[in-house]
């Protein structure tokens, strides 16, 4: 006997087919603080949240050359939380492989990302040319991961979306960006998927005491959360860090030395300049000591920050907008945009302060300054942010007595100071505070952290909040539900 329910016309009735749960794949940012990439696949959408470059150890960097597990042309859109290279630096490679969808992010992130990507292409082209001239690469010829043309095509795909506004980015898939307080334009993302389940991705969260930006908007809940864990096992002490920074400057300048500060071009340079301006006003940094910023990328980013201050951007602290651009100008402040100006700085005697990129000393003009100052004990190098394993900055922090650059080892006799006070990342307690008050996700995945940090934060979330927290494996697949 047929017991199928019948409709008014005698035809069988069928329940609507429910969408299948989305599949989440961890393609990067797992077991490391670089290469963040999270693939989200549902019945009608394939999205990538963040598209970062791997940095640090050679094995990590080699991952940049591997193909993704799906065709780039099949990815419908990319959501970028902020403009740091480890979150957006793979985009031109994705475009080279056929991606043609929109890149969804905030307006300030779009501006800063162009600066980052063009600088990245320039450095890779330069490195490939240097390798071909001097024969130090095993590839013949050595080629860049991507070039200026790839960046041009990438920038045409950027589609800025307003903050705190839900927008449809794919069939039955909606995105909302919320302020993350990490760097200008940074956001944490909340996706509502086809089956109604939600996925939140923290990106990088700023510390509440950031001198320029307002704190991150609190987590408001999601079925699944991807949570950064960079400082999941550490605590910032702002007062002690600020005092330590001033003391290092005072000692080195008192010896007639030069202080080199490797600083990320985005936000870290601005924060360091803000602190140097305060020390200048307090008389700690003598008026006779010049401050050089030697990084075209950092100077371009500084222009974006100044535009944000002039526009009184909502994410800036009120005291910063009230102070205007003076908040970022420790006069005398000398900008080195051209190569010749950089060379002139390198020849200038101390005492002086040089702020230069890259922050982890993986490349850029800072290497030339380090090669000059490291052998002299009068000088100092101040590492002002997180230094990933396998980078020169981490080697310095860990006490290396020689540093390899330009094919040779340079002795380390200068004073080296680790001052994480300037980090733009929330510490363990601040990460936990960001979660408080929100309903528990089904699962919280700890990403963008080295193994010890991720494990420590997992345990803390489990013990303090009682949430299910997991440290995923690279390449692992999980369902969003």
Protein backbone atom coordinates (compact mmCIF):
# COMPACT_ATOMS: atom_id res chain seq x y z
CA UNK A 1 0.00 0.00 0.00
CA UNK A 2 1.32 3.43 -0.98
CA UNK A 3 1.33 5.63 2.12
CA UNK A 4 3.01 8.63 0.48
CA UNK A 5 1.13 11.80 1.60
CA UNK A 6 -0.99 13.27 -1.18
CA UNK A 7 -1.56 16.94 -1.95
CA UNK A 8 -4.87 18.47 -3.05
CA UNK A 9 -4.31 17.38 -6.66
CA UNK A 10 -3.29 13.90 -5.65
CA UNK A 11 0.43 14.49 -6.29
CA UNK A 12 2.97 13.41 -3.67
CA UNK A 13 4.25 16.25 -1.45
CA UNK A 14 7.96 16.67 -0.79
CA UNK A 15 9.74 18.57 1.95
CA UNK A 16 12.09 21.27 0.64
CA UNK A 17 15.62 19.99 0.22
CA UNK A 18 17.69 21.47 3.03
CA UNK A 19 21.12 22.80 2.07
CA UNK A 20 23.98 20.65 3.21
CA UNK A 21 26.28 22.01 5.94
CA UNK A 22 29.19 24.02 4.60
CA UNK A 23 32.63 22.44 4.56
CA UNK A 24 35.51 24.39 6.10
CA UNK A 25 39.11 23.57 5.13
CA UNK A 26 42.18 24.97 6.90
CA UNK A 27 44.66 25.80 4.13
CA UNK A 28 47.00 28.03 6.17
CA UNK A 29 47.40 29.89 9.42
CA UNK A 30 47.50 26.56 11.32
CA UNK A 31 50.52 25.86 13.50
CA UNK A 32 51.99 29.16 12.30
CA UNK A 33 51.19 32.87 12.33
CA UNK A 34 51.45 33.16 8.55
CA UNK A 35 49.62 32.04 5.42
CA UNK A 36 46.05 32.42 6.74
CA UNK A 37 43.61 30.83 4.26
CA UNK A 38 40.27 29.26 5.10
CA UNK A 39 38.15 27.68 2.37
CA UNK A 40 34.37 27.62 2.87
CA UNK A 41 32.33 25.45 0.48
CA UNK A 42 28.52 25.19 0.44
CA UNK A 43 26.01 23.97 -2.15
CA UNK A 44 26.15 27.19 -4.17
CA UNK A 45 29.24 29.06 -2.97
CA UNK A 46 32.97 28.54 -2.64
CA UNK A 47 34.66 31.30 -0.64
CA UNK A 48 38.13 31.95 0.73
CA UNK A 49 38.45 33.90 3.97
CA UNK A 50 41.87 35.55 3.97
CA UNK A 51 44.50 34.77 1.38
CA UNK A 52 47.83 35.17 3.11
CA UNK A 53 51.44 34.49 2.25
CA UNK A 54 53.54 32.02 4.25
CA UNK A 55 56.68 33.52 5.80
CA UNK A 56 59.51 32.31 8.01
CA UNK A 57 61.09 28.87 7.62
CA UNK A 58 61.97 27.72 4.10
CA UNK A 59 59.49 24.85 4.40
CA UNK A 60 56.70 27.34 5.10
CA UNK A 61 57.75 29.61 2.24
CA UNK A 62 57.72 26.66 -0.16
CA UNK A 63 54.01 26.27 0.52
CA UNK A 64 53.43 29.50 -1.40
CA UNK A 65 54.35 27.60 -4.57
CA UNK A 66 51.87 24.78 -4.04
CA UNK A 67 48.51 24.71 -5.78
CA UNK A 68 45.36 24.98 -3.69
CA UNK A 69 43.14 21.87 -3.46
CA UNK A 70 40.61 23.49 -5.80
CA UNK A 71 40.95 25.51 -8.99
CA UNK A 72 41.39 29.21 -8.30
CA UNK A 73 38.81 29.92 -11.02
CA UNK A 74 36.21 27.97 -8.99
CA UNK A 75 36.51 30.30 -5.98
CA UNK A 76 33.63 32.75 -6.12
CA UNK A 77 34.93 35.43 -3.74
CA UNK A 78 37.64 36.19 -1.20
CA UNK A 79 37.00 37.95 2.11
CA UNK A 80 40.08 39.75 3.49
CA UNK A 81 40.09 40.72 7.16
CA UNK A 82 43.01 43.15 6.92
CA UNK A 83 45.98 44.20 4.82
CA UNK A 84 48.92 42.43 6.45
CA UNK A 85 50.89 40.22 4.06
CA UNK A 86 50.11 37.05 5.99
CA UNK A 87 46.40 37.66 5.33
CA UNK A 88 46.34 39.11 1.79
CA UNK A 89 49.77 38.47 0.23
CA UNK A 90 48.75 35.37 -1.77
CA UNK A 91 46.00 37.21 -3.70
CA UNK A 92 48.07 38.00 -6.82
CA UNK A 93 49.17 34.36 -7.02
CA UNK A 94 45.51 33.32 -6.81
CA UNK A 95 44.69 35.74 -9.63
CA UNK A 96 47.60 34.40 -11.69
CA UNK A 97 46.01 30.95 -11.37
CA UNK A 98 42.61 32.14 -12.59
CA UNK A 99 40.64 33.72 -9.73
CA UNK A 100 38.31 36.43 -11.08
CA UNK A 101 35.79 36.96 -8.27
CA UNK A 102 35.43 39.97 -5.97
CA UNK A 103 37.80 40.66 -3.08
CA UNK A 104 35.56 41.86 -0.25
CA UNK A 105 37.07 43.97 2.50
CA UNK A 106 36.89 47.40 4.13
CA UNK A 107 37.77 50.57 2.22
CA UNK A 108 40.94 51.29 4.23
CA UNK A 109 42.07 47.68 3.88
CA UNK A 110 41.71 47.98 0.10
CA UNK A 111 43.97 51.05 0.08
CA UNK A 112 46.58 49.49 2.34
CA UNK A 113 46.50 46.15 0.56
CA UNK A 114 47.55 47.78 -2.70
CA UNK A 115 50.61 49.22 -0.97
CA UNK A 116 51.45 45.83 0.56
CA UNK A 117 50.97 43.82 -2.63
CA UNK A 118 52.96 46.18 -4.83
CA UNK A 119 55.81 46.15 -2.35
CA UNK A 120 55.66 42.36 -2.14
CA UNK A 121 55.82 42.01 -5.92
CA UNK A 122 58.75 44.43 -6.04
CA UNK A 123 60.69 42.48 -3.40
CA UNK A 124 60.05 39.15 -5.09
CA UNK A 125 61.12 40.45 -8.51
CA UNK A 126 64.21 41.97 -6.91
CA UNK A 127 65.06 38.74 -5.08
CA UNK A 128 64.67 36.66 -8.25
CA UNK A 129 66.91 39.03 -10.21
CA UNK A 130 69.52 38.99 -7.44
CA UNK A 131 69.43 35.17 -7.35
CA UNK A 132 69.89 34.97 -11.11
CA UNK A 133 72.82 37.40 -11.04
CA UNK A 134 74.61 35.67 -8.18
CA UNK A 135 73.48 32.08 -8.68
CA UNK A 136 72.30 31.33 -5.15
CA UNK A 137 68.94 29.81 -6.13
CA UNK A 138 68.52 26.16 -7.12
CA UNK A 139 65.99 27.30 -9.74
CA UNK A 140 67.35 28.32 -13.15
CA UNK A 141 66.10 30.86 -13.76
CA UNK A 142 64.61 31.96 -10.46
CA UNK A 143 61.18 33.54 -10.89
CA UNK A 144 59.03 35.69 -8.61
CA UNK A 145 55.87 34.24 -7.09
CA UNK A 146 53.98 37.03 -8.87
CA UNK A 147 54.74 40.34 -10.55
CA UNK A 148 53.38 43.85 -11.04
CA UNK A 149 50.92 42.74 -13.71
CA UNK A 150 49.40 40.22 -11.32
CA UNK A 151 48.97 42.97 -8.73
CA UNK A 152 47.33 45.25 -11.33
CA UNK A 153 44.78 42.53 -12.13
CA UNK A 154 44.23 41.84 -8.43
CA UNK A 155 43.46 45.43 -7.51
CA UNK A 156 40.70 45.60 -10.13
CA UNK A 157 38.87 42.88 -8.19
CA UNK A 158 38.72 44.73 -4.86
CA UNK A 159 35.13 45.56 -3.87
CA UNK A 160 35.06 47.43 -0.54
CA UNK A 161 32.01 46.85 1.65
CA UNK A 162 30.79 49.08 4.50
CA UNK A 163 31.48 48.06 8.08
CA UNK A 164 28.63 46.81 10.29
CA UNK A 165 26.38 46.28 7.27
CA UNK A 166 25.20 42.86 6.11
CA UNK A 167 25.77 42.31 2.38
CA UNK A 168 25.02 39.32 0.15
CA UNK A 169 28.27 38.11 -1.40
CA UNK A 170 27.09 34.83 -2.98
CA UNK A 171 23.74 33.04 -3.38
CA UNK A 172 22.17 32.88 0.11
CA UNK A 173 25.50 33.83 1.70
CA UNK A 174 25.84 37.07 3.64
CA UNK A 175 28.83 38.89 5.15
CA UNK A 176 29.16 41.44 7.93
CA UNK A 177 32.47 43.10 8.85
CA UNK A 178 33.07 44.39 12.39
CA UNK A 179 35.98 46.52 13.60
CA UNK A 180 38.93 44.47 14.90
CA UNK A 181 41.15 47.28 16.26
CA UNK A 182 44.31 45.64 14.90
CA UNK A 183 45.38 47.99 12.09
CA UNK A 184 43.52 50.63 10.12
CA UNK A 185 40.64 48.96 8.26
CA UNK A 186 40.98 45.63 10.09
CA UNK A 187 37.82 43.62 10.70
CA UNK A 188 36.50 40.39 12.04
CA UNK A 189 34.06 38.72 9.67
CA UNK A 190 30.72 37.01 10.24
CA UNK A 191 29.31 34.83 7.45
CA UNK A 192 25.71 33.60 7.35
CA UNK A 193 25.69 30.53 5.12
CA UNK A 194 23.04 28.89 2.92
CA UNK A 195 21.70 26.59 5.64
CA UNK A 196 21.46 29.44 8.14
CA UNK A 197 24.54 28.48 10.14
CA UNK A 198 27.08 31.18 10.92
CA UNK A 199 30.87 31.28 10.78
CA UNK A 200 32.93 34.02 12.42
CA UNK A 201 36.61 34.62 11.61
CA UNK A 202 38.48 36.88 14.03
CA UNK A 203 41.27 37.87 11.66
CA UNK A 204 43.82 39.53 13.94
CA UNK A 205 42.42 41.29 17.01
CA UNK A 206 43.98 44.46 18.35
CA UNK A 207 44.81 45.08 21.98
CA UNK A 208 42.41 47.44 23.80
CA UNK A 209 45.31 49.79 24.62
CA UNK A 210 46.20 50.46 20.98
CA UNK A 211 47.37 54.11 20.94
CA UNK A 212 45.66 54.93 17.64
CA UNK A 213 42.64 52.66 17.20
CA UNK A 214 39.50 51.92 19.15
CA UNK A 215 39.19 48.38 20.59
CA UNK A 216 37.68 45.55 18.59
CA UNK A 217 33.92 45.25 18.55
CA UNK A 218 33.06 42.36 20.91
CA UNK A 219 32.31 38.92 19.55
CA UNK A 220 28.53 38.58 19.23
CA UNK A 221 28.29 34.85 18.60
CA UNK A 222 28.40 32.33 15.76
CA UNK A 223 27.95 28.59 15.31
CA UNK A 224 31.64 28.19 14.49
CA UNK A 225 34.47 30.59 15.35
CA UNK A 226 38.00 30.78 13.94
CA UNK A 227 40.02 32.59 16.58
CA UNK A 228 43.57 33.93 16.27
CA UNK A 229 46.00 32.80 18.96
CA UNK A 230 49.21 34.73 18.22
CA UNK A 231 49.70 35.76 21.85
CA UNK A 232 47.62 32.95 23.33
CA UNK A 233 50.30 32.24 25.94
CA UNK A 234 51.52 35.75 26.67
CA UNK A 235 50.64 38.92 28.54
CA UNK A 236 51.38 42.48 27.51
CA UNK A 237 52.60 44.93 30.14
CA UNK A 238 52.22 48.31 28.48
CA UNK A 239 53.80 50.39 31.23
CA UNK A 240 56.85 48.12 31.54
CA UNK A 241 57.20 47.91 27.76
CA UNK A 242 57.10 51.67 27.32
CA UNK A 243 59.74 52.11 30.05
CA UNK A 244 61.93 49.42 28.50
CA UNK A 245 61.72 51.07 25.09
CA UNK A 246 62.71 54.45 26.52
CA UNK A 247 65.59 52.89 28.46
CA UNK A 248 67.05 51.16 25.40
CA UNK A 249 66.93 54.42 23.43
CA UNK A 250 68.54 56.35 26.27
CA UNK A 251 71.40 53.86 26.64
CA UNK A 252 72.21 53.57 22.94
CA UNK A 253 71.92 57.27 22.15
CA UNK A 254 74.03 58.01 25.22
CA UNK A 255 76.76 55.83 23.71
CA UNK A 256 76.53 57.82 20.49
CA UNK A 257 74.95 54.81 18.82
CA UNK A 258 72.24 54.28 16.27
CA UNK A 259 68.99 52.54 17.16
CA UNK A 260 67.43 50.45 14.39
CA UNK A 261 63.78 49.49 14.80
CA UNK A 262 62.56 46.86 12.33
CA UNK A 263 58.87 47.73 12.07
CA UNK A 264 56.00 46.48 9.98
CA UNK A 265 55.06 49.11 7.44
CA UNK A 266 51.38 48.90 8.38
CA UNK A 267 50.43 50.23 11.79
CA UNK A 268 53.64 49.29 13.61
CA UNK A 269 55.53 52.18 12.03
CA UNK A 270 52.67 54.54 12.93
CA UNK A 271 52.57 53.27 16.53
CA UNK A 272 56.35 53.58 16.90
CA UNK A 273 56.26 57.13 15.53
CA UNK A 274 53.43 57.96 17.94
CA UNK A 275 55.58 56.73 20.85
CA UNK A 276 58.69 58.54 19.61
CA UNK A 277 56.68 61.76 19.32
CA UNK A 278 55.60 61.34 22.96
CA UNK A 279 59.20 60.68 24.07
CA UNK A 280 60.30 63.77 22.15
CA UNK A 281 57.72 65.89 24.01
CA UNK A 282 58.83 64.38 27.33
CA UNK A 283 62.49 65.15 26.61
CA UNK A 284 63.56 61.49 26.64
CA UNK A 285 64.38 61.62 22.94
CA UNK A 286 66.68 64.65 22.49
CA UNK A 287 65.64 67.21 19.90
CA UNK A 288 69.06 66.90 18.26
CA UNK A 289 68.59 63.19 17.45
CA UNK A 290 66.98 62.64 14.04
CA UNK A 291 64.31 60.00 13.45
CA UNK A 292 64.47 58.42 9.99
CA UNK A 293 61.69 56.40 8.39
CA UNK A 294 63.31 54.35 5.65
CA UNK A 295 60.57 52.41 3.90
CA UNK A 296 58.60 53.62 0.87
CA UNK A 297 55.88 51.19 1.86
CA UNK A 298 55.67 52.52 5.42
CA UNK A 299 55.62 56.11 4.17
CA UNK A 300 52.80 55.28 1.74
CA UNK A 301 50.85 53.64 4.56
CA UNK A 302 51.54 56.65 6.77
CA UNK A 303 49.80 58.81 4.16
CA UNK A 304 46.71 56.58 4.43
CA UNK A 305 46.73 56.93 8.23
CA UNK A 306 47.03 60.70 7.89
CA UNK A 307 44.06 60.69 5.51
CA UNK A 308 42.09 58.69 8.08
CA UNK A 309 42.98 61.21 10.79
CA UNK A 310 41.95 64.12 8.55
CA UNK A 311 38.65 62.36 7.80
CA UNK A 312 38.13 61.58 11.52
CA UNK A 313 37.63 57.91 10.73
CA UNK A 314 35.28 56.18 13.17
CA UNK A 315 37.83 53.51 14.12
CA UNK A 316 40.40 56.04 15.40
CA UNK A 317 40.66 57.07 19.04
CA UNK A 318 39.17 60.54 19.68
CA UNK A 319 42.43 61.87 21.15
CA UNK A 320 44.25 60.92 17.93
CA UNK A 321 41.80 62.73 15.67
CA UNK A 322 41.94 65.71 18.04
CA UNK A 323 45.75 65.81 17.86
CA UNK A 324 45.74 65.55 14.07
CA UNK A 325 48.77 64.40 12.12
CA UNK A 326 51.10 65.69 14.86
CA UNK A 327 50.30 62.41 16.62
CA UNK A 328 52.56 60.66 14.08
CA UNK A 329 55.39 63.20 13.68
CA UNK A 330 58.36 63.09 16.08
CA UNK A 331 60.10 66.13 14.56
CA UNK A 332 62.77 66.21 13.27
CA UNK A 333 61.28 63.34 11.27
CA UNK A 334 63.08 62.56 8.01
CA UNK A 335 61.53 60.40 5.30
CA UNK A 336 63.66 58.31 2.94
CA UNK A 337 61.65 57.51 -0.15
CA UNK A 338 64.38 57.10 -2.76
CA UNK A 339 67.19 54.58 -2.80
CA UNK A 340 69.76 57.37 -2.61
CA UNK A 341 68.08 58.80 0.51
CA UNK A 342 68.26 55.33 2.06
CA UNK A 343 71.97 55.08 1.24
CA UNK A 344 72.53 58.54 2.75
CA UNK A 345 70.91 57.39 6.01
CA UNK A 346 73.10 54.32 6.09
CA UNK A 347 76.15 56.57 5.86
CA UNK A 348 74.94 59.01 8.52
CA UNK A 349 76.73 58.86 11.90
CA UNK A 350 74.91 58.36 15.20
CA UNK A 351 73.23 59.11 17.39
CA UNK A 352 70.07 58.48 15.37
CA UNK A 353 66.89 56.39 15.29
CA UNK A 354 66.03 54.46 12.11
CA UNK A 355 62.59 52.90 11.66
CA UNK A 356 62.60 50.57 8.67
CA UNK A 357 60.76 47.55 7.24
CA UNK A 358 60.34 44.66 7.29
CA UNK A 359 59.25 44.07 10.87
CA UNK A 360 60.57 40.51 11.02
CA UNK A 361 63.72 41.48 9.08
CA UNK A 362 62.86 39.03 6.32
CA UNK A 363 63.71 41.55 3.61
CA UNK A 364 63.61 45.21 2.68
CA UNK A 365 65.83 48.15 3.47
CA UNK A 366 66.17 47.30 7.15
CA UNK A 367 68.66 44.56 6.22
CA UNK A 368 71.18 47.14 5.00
CA UNK A 369 70.89 49.03 8.28
CA UNK A 370 71.21 45.85 10.33
CA UNK A 371 74.34 44.84 8.44
CA UNK A 372 75.88 48.17 9.37
CA UNK A 373 74.80 48.49 13.03
CA UNK A 374 74.93 44.92 14.35
CA UNK A 375 78.73 44.61 14.63
CA UNK A 376 79.06 47.76 16.80
CA UNK A 377 78.24 47.45 20.55
CA UNK A 378 77.35 51.14 20.74
CA UNK A 379 74.25 50.49 18.64
CA UNK A 380 70.94 48.84 19.47
CA UNK A 381 68.24 46.91 17.63
CA UNK A 382 64.73 46.99 19.07
CA UNK A 383 62.26 44.30 17.97
CA UNK A 384 58.84 45.85 18.57
CA UNK A 385 56.39 43.15 17.57
CA UNK A 386 55.80 39.46 17.12
CA UNK A 387 58.71 37.66 15.43
CA UNK A 388 57.76 34.36 13.82
CA UNK A 389 60.00 31.31 14.00
CA UNK A 390 62.52 31.18 11.18
CA UNK A 391 62.82 34.97 10.78
CA UNK A 392 65.91 37.10 11.46
CA UNK A 393 64.02 39.12 14.06
CA UNK A 394 63.24 35.92 15.97
CA UNK A 395 66.88 34.86 15.72
CA UNK A 396 67.91 38.19 17.26
CA UNK A 397 65.36 37.87 20.07
CA UNK A 398 66.56 34.33 20.75
CA UNK A 399 70.15 35.55 21.20
CA UNK A 400 71.82 34.76 17.87
CA UNK A 401 75.48 35.80 17.84
CA UNK A 402 75.56 36.09 14.05
CA UNK A 403 72.86 36.79 11.49
CA UNK A 404 72.92 35.64 7.87
CA UNK A 405 72.05 38.19 5.20
CA UNK A 406 73.18 38.81 1.64
CA UNK A 407 74.93 35.45 1.59
CA UNK A 408 77.19 36.07 4.60
CA UNK A 409 77.10 36.07 8.39
CA UNK A 410 77.17 39.39 10.27
CA UNK A 411 78.29 39.34 13.92
CA UNK A 412 75.75 40.54 16.50
CA UNK A 413 77.49 42.79 19.01
CA UNK A 414 74.85 45.54 19.23
CA UNK A 415 72.37 45.55 22.11
CA UNK A 416 69.18 43.67 21.17
CA UNK A 417 65.92 44.38 22.96
CA UNK A 418 62.56 42.61 22.60
CA UNK A 419 59.74 45.07 23.30
CA UNK A 420 56.42 43.37 22.45
CA UNK A 421 54.59 46.32 24.05
CA UNK A 422 54.18 47.62 20.51
CA UNK A 423 52.42 44.51 19.24
CA UNK A 424 49.10 45.18 17.53
CA UNK A 425 47.80 41.79 18.75
CA UNK A 426 45.65 41.22 21.82
CA UNK A 427 47.29 39.10 24.51
CA UNK A 428 45.80 35.96 26.07
CA UNK A 429 43.63 37.75 28.64
CA UNK A 430 42.43 40.28 26.06
CA UNK A 431 41.50 37.52 23.61
CA UNK A 432 39.47 35.85 26.32
CA UNK A 433 37.79 39.14 27.20
CA UNK A 434 36.74 39.56 23.56
CA UNK A 435 34.77 36.32 23.87
CA UNK A 436 33.06 36.99 27.18
CA UNK A 437 29.35 37.67 27.08
CA UNK A 438 28.80 35.89 23.76
CA UNK A 439 26.89 32.62 23.43
CA UNK A 440 29.19 29.63 23.09
CA UNK A 441 29.90 28.53 19.52
CA UNK A 442 29.46 24.86 18.69
CA UNK A 443 33.25 24.79 18.14
CA UNK A 444 36.03 27.36 18.43
CA UNK A 445 39.10 26.65 16.28
CA UNK A 446 42.39 28.23 17.36
CA UNK A 447 44.31 29.41 14.29
CA UNK A 448 47.07 31.88 13.39
CA UNK A 449 49.33 30.91 16.27
CA UNK A 450 52.41 28.82 16.90
CA UNK A 451 51.64 25.44 18.52
CA UNK A 452 52.37 26.38 22.14
CA UNK A 453 50.33 29.59 21.93
CA UNK A 454 47.35 27.92 20.27
CA UNK A 455 47.35 25.05 22.78
CA UNK A 456 47.58 27.44 25.74
CA UNK A 457 44.63 29.50 24.52
CA UNK A 458 42.61 26.35 23.80
CA UNK A 459 43.11 25.20 27.40
CA UNK A 460 42.26 28.61 28.77
CA UNK A 461 39.01 28.84 26.78
CA UNK A 462 38.06 25.32 27.87
CA UNK A 463 38.80 25.91 31.54
CA UNK A 464 37.49 29.48 31.82
CA UNK A 465 34.48 29.52 29.50
CA UNK A 466 33.71 25.84 29.19
CA UNK A 467 33.63 26.09 25.38
CA UNK A 468 34.72 23.38 22.98
CA UNK A 469 38.02 24.64 21.59
CA UNK A 470 40.19 22.80 19.07
CA UNK A 471 43.58 23.36 17.45
CA UNK A 472 43.02 22.14 13.86
CA UNK A 473 45.54 20.45 11.60
CA UNK A 474 46.74 21.89 8.30
CA UNK A 475 44.49 20.66 5.50
CA UNK A 476 41.80 19.40 7.89
CA UNK A 477 38.13 19.48 6.79
CA UNK A 478 35.28 20.20 9.25
CA UNK A 479 31.57 20.95 8.93
CA UNK A 480 30.06 24.32 9.87
CA UNK A 481 27.02 23.52 12.01
